[in-house]
Every structure is written in structure tokens, then in C-alpha cells.
Amino acid sequence: MAEDKIINGKVLYTPKGAVMEYGRIGCNFYTGCPHECEYCYLKRGAPSKQLGDNKVRLKKCFKDEADAARILCNELDKHLEQCQRYGIFLSFTTDPMIEETRGLTMRAISFAIRREIPVYVLTKCSTFIYDDMVMAYLENIPYPNDIHFGFTLTGRDDMEPKASSNLDRIEAMRLLHQHGFKTWASIEPVIDWTHSRMVVELSLDCCNHYKIGLRSGIKKDYYDLLQSGYSIKEMVEKIVSSGRTVYLKESTRKLLRQCFIEGEYERILSMTLDMDGNRIK
């Protein structure tokens, strides 16, 4: 196997830190997002001026969408083996399935599938399933398993005022699952365990894989240890017993370790996968 290289292209790049737990190769065309989520990490700190705007904009390094598409093709070919191994993730800097972005997202999916590159999409938008052009294309893809549609599910519509409701996202996931696409859910951030457990239960029939992560930029005692330990254990066991898989992000694993003695912690962890989909021993 070829050694991984740091990718630093205009479209494709190697993420750093906790975001890499979602994708080893990011694919970004736009910045800005209209959802106005209260917890958005892009609205905090130094990156907020560039990335935290509510208005969606094509990145300044592209002349137009055609230029962005051309550059993507070149970068996919340049890093083909690595992209085939890990797939590409859309997107860390916007929602890739809202009306402003989905056209270029669909072109990226098309370019990747032709090159046998898996695609991982994460969205809070459900309305694209009513876009006839999008669905006509998706319904004719010969290998739907190569496309992994993910939906952020917090259960807290009140904190995501401009996004599709969590229930609508689950319904969109259900439709895509019925069409043969791989589906996954980002249970992150966990705002409260009650709502996180609820959205897991509501999506078990149509979600193949779960990623569970905590809220960032909060006080150390934000999560009650007793409730957290019970909730993580219950969600992992319910997901696995339903024939689904789950990945606990590093932040969640650190919290879980505080909740249980080592033997029980290891038992729970052994039911989960690592970030590349391998069983944790």
C-alpha cells in the first residue's frame, strides 16, 4: 500500500484534528452556511470571519463553478490511489446538499464514481430529495453503495433554525436507504442525551452507521457522568443489536472512560468500529 501523502489542493485537502474523524480527504467548494446553528464550530475563533458567514460563496480560488469542477478532476487524478482508499468527504465548510451547493456536489459525485472513489456526504438538508434532477441522477447510479449519505441528527430543531427538521432528515435518509445508498448519521454534537437517544431510535431502520461526538467549547461539567455513561452504553448496544455499526469519536471515548471501570469500558468499546470502519479489538 502506498504511503499516505498530505493533500493540499484547492478542492481536496487533508483535514487536521477532530474533523479528520469524519473524512481523511476533505472536498470543499464553498464557504458559508445558511442554517444558523447555535453550536456551529465555524462561527467561533479565528476561522469565523472566513468560514462562519451565513451567505454561501464559492471559494475565492475558483473563477467559477466550471473552473472548480475542472480543478477537482485534476486533483482526483493526481491523488487517485489515496482517494480510492479513503473516499472524499463533502463538506467541512458548508452544507453540500442545499440548493446553492448541490449542483457542484452532484458533479463531484459523478467524477468520483467514474474513478471508483467512494463519496461521503454530510448534510442537514432534506429538500434535495424533491429535486427531480438530483434524484433522476441518483436513481440511475449503477453502484449506489459507493455513495454514503450522512445526516447530522441532534434532535434539537430549536438550535438549527434554518435547517430541515430532524424528522425530515430521517425521512430523507429512509428514502435514500430504500434506494440502496449507504446511510449514516452524525450524532454530533450531543446537545443532550435524551434527544440524541431519540434520533438514534427513530433512524435505526434506515441508518447503516453512526458517529457519536460531543459538543465543543463547553464547560467541563456540561455532561453528567452518570447519565452520559448510561446513554452511551445504551445507544451502542441498541445500534449493534439492530445490526448497525457505530464509531465513538475521541471526545466521546474520553468521556466514556470516565464513566466505567476499565473492563466495562473496554467491553463497550469492543462493540464499536474505528474511524476507518475496522472492528476495535
C-alpha atoms as a PDB file:
ATOM      1  CA  MET A   1       0.000   0.000   0.000  1.00  0.00           C
ATOM      2  CA  ALA A   2       1.305   3.427  -0.923  1.00  0.00           C
ATOM      3  CA  GLU A   3       2.157   5.791   1.912  1.00  0.00           C
ATOM      4  CA  ASP A   4      -0.404   8.499   2.602  1.00  0.00           C
ATOM      5  CA  LYS A   5       0.581  11.950   1.428  1.00  0.00           C
ATOM      6  CA  ILE A   6      -0.571  15.290   2.784  1.00  0.00           C
ATOM      7  CA  ILE A   7      -3.013  16.707   0.233  1.00  0.00           C
ATOM      8  CA  ASN A   8      -3.149  20.476  -0.025  1.00  0.00           C
ATOM      9  CA  GLY A   9      -5.137  21.245  -3.163  1.00  0.00           C
ATOM     10  CA  LYS A  10      -7.677  23.912  -3.972  1.00  0.00           C
ATOM     11  CA  VAL A  11     -10.536  21.414  -3.651  1.00  0.00           C
ATOM     12  CA  LEU A  12      -9.083  18.355  -1.928  1.00  0.00           C
ATOM     13  CA  TYR A  13      -7.069  18.517   1.257  1.00  0.00           C
ATOM     14  CA  THR A  14      -6.015  16.526   4.309  1.00  0.00           C
ATOM     15  CA  PRO A  15      -8.018  17.684   7.362  1.00  0.00           C
ATOM     16  CA  LYS A  16      -6.406  18.171  10.755  1.00  0.00           C
ATOM     17  CA  GLY A  17      -7.588  17.424  14.257  1.00  0.00           C
ATOM     18  CA  ALA A  18     -11.025  16.130  15.196  1.00  0.00           C
ATOM     19  CA  VAL A  19     -12.555  16.795  11.777  1.00  0.00           C
ATOM     20  CA  MET A  20     -10.378  14.035  10.314  1.00  0.00           C
ATOM     21  CA  GLU A  21     -12.607  11.602  12.219  1.00  0.00           C
ATOM     22  CA  TYR A  22     -15.195  12.319   9.529  1.00  0.00           C
ATOM     23  CA  GLY A  23     -13.028  12.046   6.467  1.00  0.00           C
ATOM     24  CA  ARG A  24      -9.347  11.667   5.681  1.00  0.00           C
ATOM     25  CA  ILE A  25      -9.766  13.682   2.484  1.00  0.00           C
ATOM     26  CA  GLY A  26     -11.946  16.784   2.523  1.00  0.00           C
ATOM     27  CA  CYS A  27     -13.611  18.204  -0.588  1.00  0.00           C
ATOM     28  CA  ASN A  28     -14.670  21.847  -0.296  1.00  0.00           C
ATOM     29  CA  PHE A  29     -16.005  24.178  -2.974  1.00  0.00           C
ATOM     30  CA  TYR A  30     -17.875  26.735  -0.892  1.00  0.00           C
ATOM     31  CA  THR A  31     -17.756  28.580   2.400  1.00  0.00           C
ATOM     32  CA  GLY A  32     -20.704  29.768   4.441  1.00  0.00           C
ATOM     33  CA  CYS A  33     -23.902  28.068   5.553  1.00  0.00           C
ATOM     34  CA  PRO A  34     -27.458  29.395   5.998  1.00  0.00           C
ATOM     35  CA  HIS A  35     -28.582  27.034   8.782  1.00  0.00           C
ATOM     36  CA  GLU A  36     -27.607  29.369  11.666  1.00  0.00           C
ATOM     37  CA  CYS A  37     -26.904  26.523  14.090  1.00  0.00           C
ATOM     38  CA  GLU A  38     -26.178  27.862  17.575  1.00  0.00           C
ATOM     39  CA  TYR A  39     -23.335  25.401  18.188  1.00  0.00           C
ATOM     40  CA  CYS A  40     -21.523  25.785  14.836  1.00  0.00           C
ATOM     41  CA  TYR A  41     -17.759  25.471  15.311  1.00  0.00           C
ATOM     42  CA  LEU A  42     -17.120  27.586  12.201  1.00  0.00           C
ATOM     43  CA  LYS A  43     -18.619  30.613  13.931  1.00  0.00           C
ATOM     44  CA  ARG A  44     -16.013  30.589  16.704  1.00  0.00           C
ATOM     45  CA  GLY A  45     -12.419  31.709  16.771  1.00  0.00           C
ATOM     46  CA  ALA A  46     -10.092  32.805  14.000  1.00  0.00           C
ATOM     47  CA  PRO A  47     -11.788  30.933  11.097  1.00  0.00           C
ATOM     48  CA  SER A  48     -15.174  32.564  11.743  1.00  0.00           C
ATOM     49  CA  LYS A  49     -14.583  35.606   9.514  1.00  0.00           C
ATOM     50  CA  GLN A  50     -13.731  33.426   6.534  1.00  0.00           C
ATOM     51  CA  LEU A  51     -15.917  30.382   7.127  1.00  0.00           C
ATOM     52  CA  GLY A  52     -18.703  31.355   9.508  1.00  0.00           C
ATOM     53  CA  ASP A  53     -20.817  33.549   7.225  1.00  0.00           C
ATOM     54  CA  ASN A  54     -24.492  32.730   6.677  1.00  0.00           C
ATOM     55  CA  LYS A  55     -24.102  33.507   2.977  1.00  0.00           C
ATOM     56  CA  VAL A  56     -22.796  30.726   0.728  1.00  0.00           C
ATOM     57  CA  ARG A  57     -19.900  31.726  -1.523  1.00  0.00           C
ATOM     58  CA  LEU A  58     -17.722  29.864  -3.988  1.00  0.00           C
ATOM     59  CA  LYS A  59     -14.149  29.809  -2.668  1.00  0.00           C
ATOM     60  CA  LYS A  60     -12.097  32.719  -3.962  1.00  0.00           C
ATOM     61  CA  CYS A  61      -9.510  30.419  -5.557  1.00  0.00           C
ATOM     62  CA  PHE A  62     -12.050  29.405  -8.246  1.00  0.00           C
ATOM     63  CA  LYS A  63     -13.039  31.551 -11.225  1.00  0.00           C
ATOM     64  CA  ASP A  64     -16.459  29.904 -11.377  1.00  0.00           C
ATOM     65  CA  GLU A  65     -18.108  26.508 -10.829  1.00  0.00           C
ATOM     66  CA  ALA A  66     -16.766  25.141 -14.133  1.00  0.00           C
ATOM     67  CA  ASP A  67     -13.249  26.033 -13.016  1.00  0.00           C
ATOM     68  CA  ALA A  68     -13.845  24.350  -9.660  1.00  0.00           C
ATOM     69  CA  ALA A  69     -15.074  21.180 -11.375  1.00  0.00           C
ATOM     70  CA  ARG A  70     -12.047  21.107 -13.677  1.00  0.00           C
ATOM     71  CA  ILE A  71      -9.642  21.515 -10.771  1.00  0.00           C
ATOM     72  CA  LEU A  72     -11.392  18.734  -8.861  1.00  0.00           C
ATOM     73  CA  CYS A  73     -10.899  16.313 -11.770  1.00  0.00           C
ATOM     74  CA  ASN A  74      -7.197  17.140 -11.895  1.00  0.00           C
ATOM     75  CA  GLU A  75      -6.791  16.658  -8.150  1.00  0.00           C
ATOM     76  CA  LEU A  76      -8.744  13.379  -8.134  1.00  0.00           C
ATOM     77  CA  ASP A  77      -6.430  12.022 -10.826  1.00  0.00           C
ATOM     78  CA  LYS A  78      -3.327  13.287  -9.032  1.00  0.00           C
ATOM     79  CA  HIS A  79      -4.308  11.573  -5.760  1.00  0.00           C
ATOM     80  CA  LEU A  80      -6.287   8.713  -7.282  1.00  0.00           C
ATOM     81  CA  GLU A  81      -4.995   5.786  -5.213  1.00  0.00           C
ATOM     82  CA  GLN A  82      -5.368   7.632  -1.924  1.00  0.00           C
ATOM     83  CA  CYS A  83      -8.855   8.858  -2.852  1.00  0.00           C
ATOM     84  CA  GLN A  84      -9.903   5.338  -3.846  1.00  0.00           C
ATOM     85  CA  ARG A  85      -8.675   4.045  -0.488  1.00  0.00           C
ATOM     86  CA  TYR A  86     -10.368   6.616   1.752  1.00  0.00           C
ATOM     87  CA  GLY A  87     -13.012   8.318  -0.360  1.00  0.00           C
ATOM     88  CA  ILE A  88     -13.736  12.045  -0.308  1.00  0.00           C
ATOM     89  CA  PHE A  89     -15.842  13.941   2.233  1.00  0.00           C
ATOM     90  CA  LEU A  90     -18.241  16.786   1.395  1.00  0.00           C
ATOM     91  CA  SER A  91     -18.083  19.156   3.146  1.00  0.00           C
ATOM     92  CA  PHE A  92     -16.368  20.740   6.135  1.00  0.00           C
ATOM     93  CA  THR A  93     -17.155  24.356   5.208  1.00  0.00           C
ATOM     94  CA  THR A  94     -20.783  24.337   4.079  1.00  0.00           C
ATOM     95  CA  ASP A  95     -23.794  22.067   3.595  1.00  0.00           C
ATOM     96  CA  PRO A  96     -23.186  20.248   0.293  1.00  0.00           C
ATOM     97  CA  MET A  97     -26.849  19.458  -0.420  1.00  0.00           C
ATOM     98  CA  ILE A  98     -28.554  22.836  -0.086  1.00  0.00           C
ATOM     99  CA  GLU A  99     -29.827  24.484  -3.253  1.00  0.00           C
ATOM    100  CA  GLU A 100     -26.773  26.746  -3.623  1.00  0.00           C
ATOM    101  CA  THR A 101     -24.246  23.898  -3.495  1.00  0.00           C
ATOM    102  CA  ARG A 102     -25.897  20.698  -4.669  1.00  0.00           C
ATOM    103  CA  GLY A 103     -25.210  21.197  -8.390  1.00  0.00           C
ATOM    104  CA  LEU A 104     -21.455  21.138  -7.901  1.00  0.00           C
ATOM    105  CA  THR A 105     -21.804  18.384  -5.307  1.00  0.00           C
ATOM    106  CA  MET A 106     -23.559  16.177  -7.837  1.00  0.00           C
ATOM    107  CA  ARG A 107     -20.798  16.833 -10.374  1.00  0.00           C
ATOM    108  CA  ALA A 108     -18.228  15.858  -7.738  1.00  0.00           C
ATOM    109  CA  ILE A 109     -20.131  12.641  -7.043  1.00  0.00           C
ATOM    110  CA  SER A 110     -20.228  11.861 -10.757  1.00  0.00           C
ATOM    111  CA  PHE A 111     -16.488  12.497 -11.223  1.00  0.00           C
ATOM    112  CA  ALA A 112     -15.618  10.387  -8.170  1.00  0.00           C
ATOM    113  CA  ILE A 113     -17.844   7.418  -9.038  1.00  0.00           C
ATOM    114  CA  ARG A 114     -16.343   7.213 -12.529  1.00  0.00           C
ATOM    115  CA  ARG A 115     -12.953   6.834 -10.834  1.00  0.00           C
ATOM    116  CA  GLU A 116     -14.200   4.234  -8.308  1.00  0.00           C
ATOM    117  CA  ILE A 117     -13.807   6.709  -5.458  1.00  0.00           C
ATOM    118  CA  PRO A 118     -16.298   6.459  -2.583  1.00  0.00           C
ATOM    119  CA  VAL A 119     -18.104   9.664  -1.617  1.00  0.00           C
ATOM    120  CA  TYR A 120     -19.227  10.648   1.882  1.00  0.00           C
ATOM    121  CA  VAL A 121     -21.786  13.447   2.137  1.00  0.00           C
ATOM    122  CA  LEU A 122     -22.941  15.122   5.360  1.00  0.00           C
ATOM    123  CA  THR A 123     -25.985  17.399   5.326  1.00  0.00           C
ATOM    124  CA  LYS A 124     -28.791  18.926   7.362  1.00  0.00           C
ATOM    125  CA  CYS A 125     -30.901  19.384   4.254  1.00  0.00           C
ATOM    126  CA  SER A 126     -33.768  17.110   3.264  1.00  0.00           C
ATOM    127  CA  THR A 127     -35.250  19.082   0.375  1.00  0.00           C
ATOM    128  CA  PHE A 128     -32.872  17.716  -2.268  1.00  0.00           C
ATOM    129  CA  ILE A 129     -34.947  14.539  -2.412  1.00  0.00           C
ATOM    130  CA  TYR A 130     -37.620  16.667  -4.117  1.00  0.00           C
ATOM    131  CA  ASP A 131     -35.146  17.913  -6.725  1.00  0.00           C
ATOM    132  CA  ASP A 132     -36.056  15.902  -9.830  1.00  0.00           C
ATOM    133  CA  MET A 133     -32.655  16.345 -11.476  1.00  0.00           C
ATOM    134  CA  VAL A 134     -30.790  15.161  -8.396  1.00  0.00           C
ATOM    135  CA  MET A 135     -32.991  12.142  -7.827  1.00  0.00           C
ATOM    136  CA  ALA A 136     -33.039  11.193 -11.519  1.00  0.00           C
ATOM    137  CA  TYR A 137     -29.250  11.040 -11.420  1.00  0.00           C
ATOM    138  CA  LEU A 138     -29.099   9.139  -8.126  1.00  0.00           C
ATOM    139  CA  GLU A 139     -31.693   6.603  -9.213  1.00  0.00           C
ATOM    140  CA  ASN A 140     -29.537   5.667 -12.215  1.00  0.00           C
ATOM    141  CA  ILE A 141     -26.210   5.233 -10.440  1.00  0.00           C
ATOM    142  CA  PRO A 142     -25.086   1.616 -11.031  1.00  0.00           C
ATOM    143  CA  TYR A 143     -23.198   1.304  -7.731  1.00  0.00           C
ATOM    144  CA  PRO A 144     -25.151   3.183  -5.044  1.00  0.00           C
ATOM    145  CA  ASN A 145     -23.070   1.558  -2.266  1.00  0.00           C
ATOM    146  CA  ASP A 146     -20.200   3.855  -3.233  1.00  0.00           C
ATOM    147  CA  ILE A 147     -22.161   6.893  -2.047  1.00  0.00           C
ATOM    148  CA  HIS A 148     -22.642   7.346   1.690  1.00  0.00           C
ATOM    149  CA  PHE A 149     -25.320   9.891   2.590  1.00  0.00           C
ATOM    150  CA  GLY A 150     -24.980  11.220   6.110  1.00  0.00           C
ATOM    151  CA  PHE A 151     -27.320  13.439   8.089  1.00  0.00           C
ATOM    152  CA  THR A 152     -26.484  15.399  11.216  1.00  0.00           C
ATOM    153  CA  LEU A 153     -29.050  14.432  13.851  1.00  0.00           C
ATOM    154  CA  THR A 154     -29.173  16.303  17.148  1.00  0.00           C
ATOM    155  CA  GLY A 155     -32.908  16.182  17.782  1.00  0.00           C
ATOM    156  CA  ARG A 156     -32.777  19.899  18.544  1.00  0.00           C
ATOM    157  CA  ASP A 157     -34.553  21.796  15.788  1.00  0.00           C
ATOM    158  CA  ASP A 158     -34.616  24.856  18.049  1.00  0.00           C
ATOM    159  CA  MET A 159     -30.826  25.154  17.748  1.00  0.00           C
ATOM    160  CA  GLU A 160     -30.819  24.673  13.949  1.00  0.00           C
ATOM    161  CA  PRO A 161     -33.468  27.218  12.896  1.00  0.00           C
ATOM    162  CA  LYS A 162     -32.801  27.345   9.148  1.00  0.00           C
ATOM    163  CA  ALA A 163     -32.050  23.641   8.594  1.00  0.00           C
ATOM    164  CA  SER A 164     -34.535  20.906   7.704  1.00  0.00           C
ATOM    165  CA  SER A 165     -36.159  19.383  10.764  1.00  0.00           C
ATOM    166  CA  ASN A 166     -34.535  16.304  12.253  1.00  0.00           C
ATOM    167  CA  LEU A 167     -37.595  14.237  11.388  1.00  0.00           C
ATOM    168  CA  ASP A 168     -37.449  15.405   7.760  1.00  0.00           C
ATOM    169  CA  ARG A 169     -33.767  14.465   7.622  1.00  0.00           C
ATOM    170  CA  ILE A 170     -34.589  10.976   8.868  1.00  0.00           C
ATOM    171  CA  GLU A 171     -37.303  10.628   6.232  1.00  0.00           C
ATOM    172  CA  ALA A 172     -34.817  11.671   3.532  1.00  0.00           C
ATOM    173  CA  MET A 173     -32.371   9.122   4.915  1.00  0.00           C
ATOM    174  CA  ARG A 174     -35.070   6.464   4.783  1.00  0.00           C
ATOM    175  CA  LEU A 175     -35.782   7.184   1.112  1.00  0.00           C
ATOM    176  CA  LEU A 176     -32.095   7.031   0.183  1.00  0.00           C
ATOM    177  CA  HIS A 177     -31.686   3.809   2.155  1.00  0.00           C
ATOM    178  CA  GLN A 178     -34.587   2.287   0.234  1.00  0.00           C
ATOM    179  CA  HIS A 179     -32.798   3.242  -2.993  1.00  0.00           C
ATOM    180  CA  GLY A 180     -29.753   1.235  -1.923  1.00  0.00           C
ATOM    181  CA  PHE A 181     -27.437   4.009  -0.771  1.00  0.00           C
ATOM    182  CA  LYS A 182     -25.304   3.614   2.320  1.00  0.00           C
ATOM    183  CA  THR A 183     -26.605   5.912   5.034  1.00  0.00           C
ATOM    184  CA  TRP A 184     -25.020   7.240   8.193  1.00  0.00           C
ATOM    185  CA  ALA A 185     -25.798   9.675  10.960  1.00  0.00           C
ATOM    186  CA  SER A 186     -23.620  12.186  12.738  1.00  0.00           C
ATOM    187  CA  ILE A 187     -24.952  12.276  16.287  1.00  0.00           C
ATOM    188  CA  GLU A 188     -22.852  15.347  16.916  1.00  0.00           C
ATOM    189  CA  PRO A 189     -22.917  17.495  18.760  1.00  0.00           C
ATOM    190  CA  VAL A 190     -24.771  15.741  21.548  1.00  0.00           C
ATOM    191  CA  ILE A 191     -26.718  18.668  22.992  1.00  0.00           C
ATOM    192  CA  ASP A 192     -28.493  16.444  25.483  1.00  0.00           C
ATOM    193  CA  TRP A 193     -28.613  12.670  25.731  1.00  0.00           C
ATOM    194  CA  THR A 194     -32.408  12.436  25.672  1.00  0.00           C
ATOM    195  CA  HIS A 195     -32.695  13.896  22.179  1.00  0.00           C
ATOM    196  CA  SER A 196     -29.648  12.023  20.897  1.00  0.00           C
ATOM    197  CA  ARG A 197     -31.077   8.687  22.040  1.00  0.00           C
ATOM    198  CA  MET A 198     -34.391   9.636  20.431  1.00  0.00           C
ATOM    199  CA  VAL A 199     -32.965  10.293  16.958  1.00  0.00           C
ATOM    200  CA  VAL A 200     -30.946   7.080  17.106  1.00  0.00           C
ATOM    201  CA  GLU A 201     -34.071   5.076  17.877  1.00  0.00           C
ATOM    202  CA  LEU A 202     -36.055   6.807  15.133  1.00  0.00           C
ATOM    203  CA  SER A 203     -33.407   6.117  12.473  1.00  0.00           C
ATOM    204  CA  LEU A 204     -32.337   2.546  13.263  1.00  0.00           C
ATOM    205  CA  ASP A 205     -34.435   1.105  10.441  1.00  0.00           C
ATOM    206  CA  CYS A 206     -32.698   3.201   7.787  1.00  0.00           C
ATOM    207  CA  CYS A 207     -29.227   4.113   9.067  1.00  0.00           C
ATOM    208  CA  ASN A 208     -26.233   1.863   8.427  1.00  0.00           C
ATOM    209  CA  HIS A 209     -23.664   3.624  10.581  1.00  0.00           C
ATOM    210  CA  TYR A 210     -23.489   6.161  13.417  1.00  0.00           C
ATOM    211  CA  LYS A 211     -20.809   8.571  14.603  1.00  0.00           C
ATOM    212  CA  ILE A 212     -21.306   9.973  18.088  1.00  0.00           C
ATOM    213  CA  GLY A 213     -19.464  13.124  19.172  1.00  0.00           C
ATOM    214  CA  LEU A 214     -19.707  15.714  21.905  1.00  0.00           C
ATOM    215  CA  ARG A 215     -20.260  19.437  21.879  1.00  0.00           C
ATOM    216  CA  SER A 216     -17.111  21.582  21.711  1.00  0.00           C
ATOM    217  CA  GLY A 217     -16.352  24.813  23.548  1.00  0.00           C
ATOM    218  CA  ILE A 218     -18.332  23.877  26.665  1.00  0.00           C
ATOM    219  CA  LYS A 219     -17.626  23.702  30.390  1.00  0.00           C
ATOM    220  CA  LYS A 220     -16.010  20.537  31.713  1.00  0.00           C
ATOM    221  CA  ASP A 221     -19.084  19.602  33.739  1.00  0.00           C
ATOM    222  CA  TYR A 222     -21.564  20.118  30.865  1.00  0.00           C
ATOM    223  CA  TYR A 223     -22.168  16.355  30.669  1.00  0.00           C
ATOM    224  CA  ASP A 224     -23.316  14.471  33.757  1.00  0.00           C
ATOM    225  CA  LEU A 225     -21.113  11.386  34.053  1.00  0.00           C
ATOM    226  CA  LEU A 226     -23.817   9.006  35.275  1.00  0.00           C
ATOM    227  CA  GLN A 227     -26.272   9.990  32.547  1.00  0.00           C
ATOM    228  CA  SER A 228     -23.535  10.039  29.913  1.00  0.00           C
ATOM    229  CA  GLY A 229     -22.262   6.565  30.725  1.00  0.00           C
ATOM    230  CA  TYR A 230     -25.746   5.074  30.696  1.00  0.00           C
ATOM    231  CA  SER A 231     -26.701   6.856  27.472  1.00  0.00           C
ATOM    232  CA  ILE A 232     -23.557   5.937  25.508  1.00  0.00           C
ATOM    233  CA  LYS A 233     -23.782   2.314  26.632  1.00  0.00           C
ATOM    234  CA  GLU A 234     -27.498   2.136  25.749  1.00  0.00           C
ATOM    235  CA  MET A 235     -27.005   3.691  22.311  1.00  0.00           C
ATOM    236  CA  VAL A 236     -24.053   1.449  21.415  1.00  0.00           C
ATOM    237  CA  GLU A 237     -25.863  -1.709  22.491  1.00  0.00           C
ATOM    238  CA  LYS A 238     -29.076  -0.728  20.704  1.00  0.00           C
ATOM    239  CA  ILE A 239     -27.245   0.172  17.493  1.00  0.00           C
ATOM    240  CA  VAL A 240     -25.216  -3.045  17.438  1.00  0.00           C
ATOM    241  CA  SER A 241     -28.168  -5.269  18.363  1.00  0.00           C
ATOM    242  CA  SER A 242     -30.037  -3.748  15.392  1.00  0.00           C
ATOM    243  CA  GLY A 243     -27.294  -4.894  13.017  1.00  0.00           C
ATOM    244  CA  ARG A 244     -25.850  -1.394  12.570  1.00  0.00           C
ATOM    245  CA  THR A 245     -22.369  -0.089  13.313  1.00  0.00           C
ATOM    246  CA  VAL A 246     -21.107   2.792  15.424  1.00  0.00           C
ATOM    247  CA  TYR A 247     -17.989   4.894  15.846  1.00  0.00           C
ATOM    248  CA  LEU A 248     -17.363   6.825  19.037  1.00  0.00           C
ATOM    249  CA  LYS A 249     -15.376   9.956  18.380  1.00  0.00           C
ATOM    250  CA  GLU A 250     -12.337  10.544  20.566  1.00  0.00           C
ATOM    251  CA  SER A 251     -14.220  13.108  22.636  1.00  0.00           C
ATOM    252  CA  THR A 252     -16.923  10.523  23.374  1.00  0.00           C
ATOM    253  CA  ARG A 253     -14.397   7.814  24.213  1.00  0.00           C
ATOM    254  CA  LYS A 254     -12.664  10.106  26.712  1.00  0.00           C
ATOM    255  CA  LEU A 255     -15.983  10.784  28.433  1.00  0.00           C
ATOM    256  CA  LEU A 256     -16.916   7.097  28.389  1.00  0.00           C
ATOM    257  CA  ARG A 257     -13.612   6.157  30.056  1.00  0.00           C
ATOM    258  CA  GLN A 258     -14.540   8.387  32.994  1.00  0.00           C
ATOM    259  CA  CYS A 259     -17.897   6.649  33.378  1.00  0.00           C
ATOM    260  CA  PHE A 260     -16.869   2.993  33.718  1.00  0.00           C
ATOM    261  CA  ILE A 261     -14.163   0.836  35.192  1.00  0.00           C
ATOM    262  CA  GLU A 262     -11.655  -0.386  32.630  1.00  0.00           C
ATOM    263  CA  GLY A 263     -13.213  -3.784  31.910  1.00  0.00           C
ATOM    264  CA  GLU A 264     -16.652  -2.367  31.131  1.00  0.00           C
ATOM    265  CA  TYR A 265     -15.165   0.485  29.142  1.00  0.00           C
ATOM    266  CA  GLU A 266     -13.225  -1.988  27.009  1.00  0.00           C
ATOM    267  CA  ARG A 267     -16.316  -4.178  26.545  1.00  0.00           C
ATOM    268  CA  ILE A 268     -18.369  -1.256  25.222  1.00  0.00           C
ATOM    269  CA  LEU A 269     -15.542  -0.054  23.020  1.00  0.00           C
ATOM    270  CA  SER A 270     -15.100  -3.543  21.528  1.00  0.00           C
ATOM    271  CA  MET A 271     -18.592  -3.303  20.036  1.00  0.00           C
ATOM    272  CA  THR A 272     -17.625  -0.241  18.005  1.00  0.00           C
ATOM    273  CA  LEU A 273     -15.552   0.468  14.904  1.00  0.00           C
ATOM    274  CA  ASP A 274     -12.555   2.718  14.407  1.00  0.00           C
ATOM    275  CA  MET A 275     -12.725   5.719  12.058  1.00  0.00           C
ATOM    276  CA  ASP A 276     -11.782   3.565   9.057  1.00  0.00           C
ATOM    277  CA  GLY A 277     -14.538   1.033   9.707  1.00  0.00           C
ATOM    278  CA  ASN A 278     -12.426  -1.664  11.364  1.00  0.00           C
ATOM    279  CA  ARG A 279     -13.577  -3.502  14.464  1.00  0.00           C
ATOM    280  CA  ILE A 280     -11.821  -2.293  17.622  1.00  0.00           C
ATOM    281  CA  LYS A 281     -10.145  -5.177  19.453  1.00  0.00           C
END
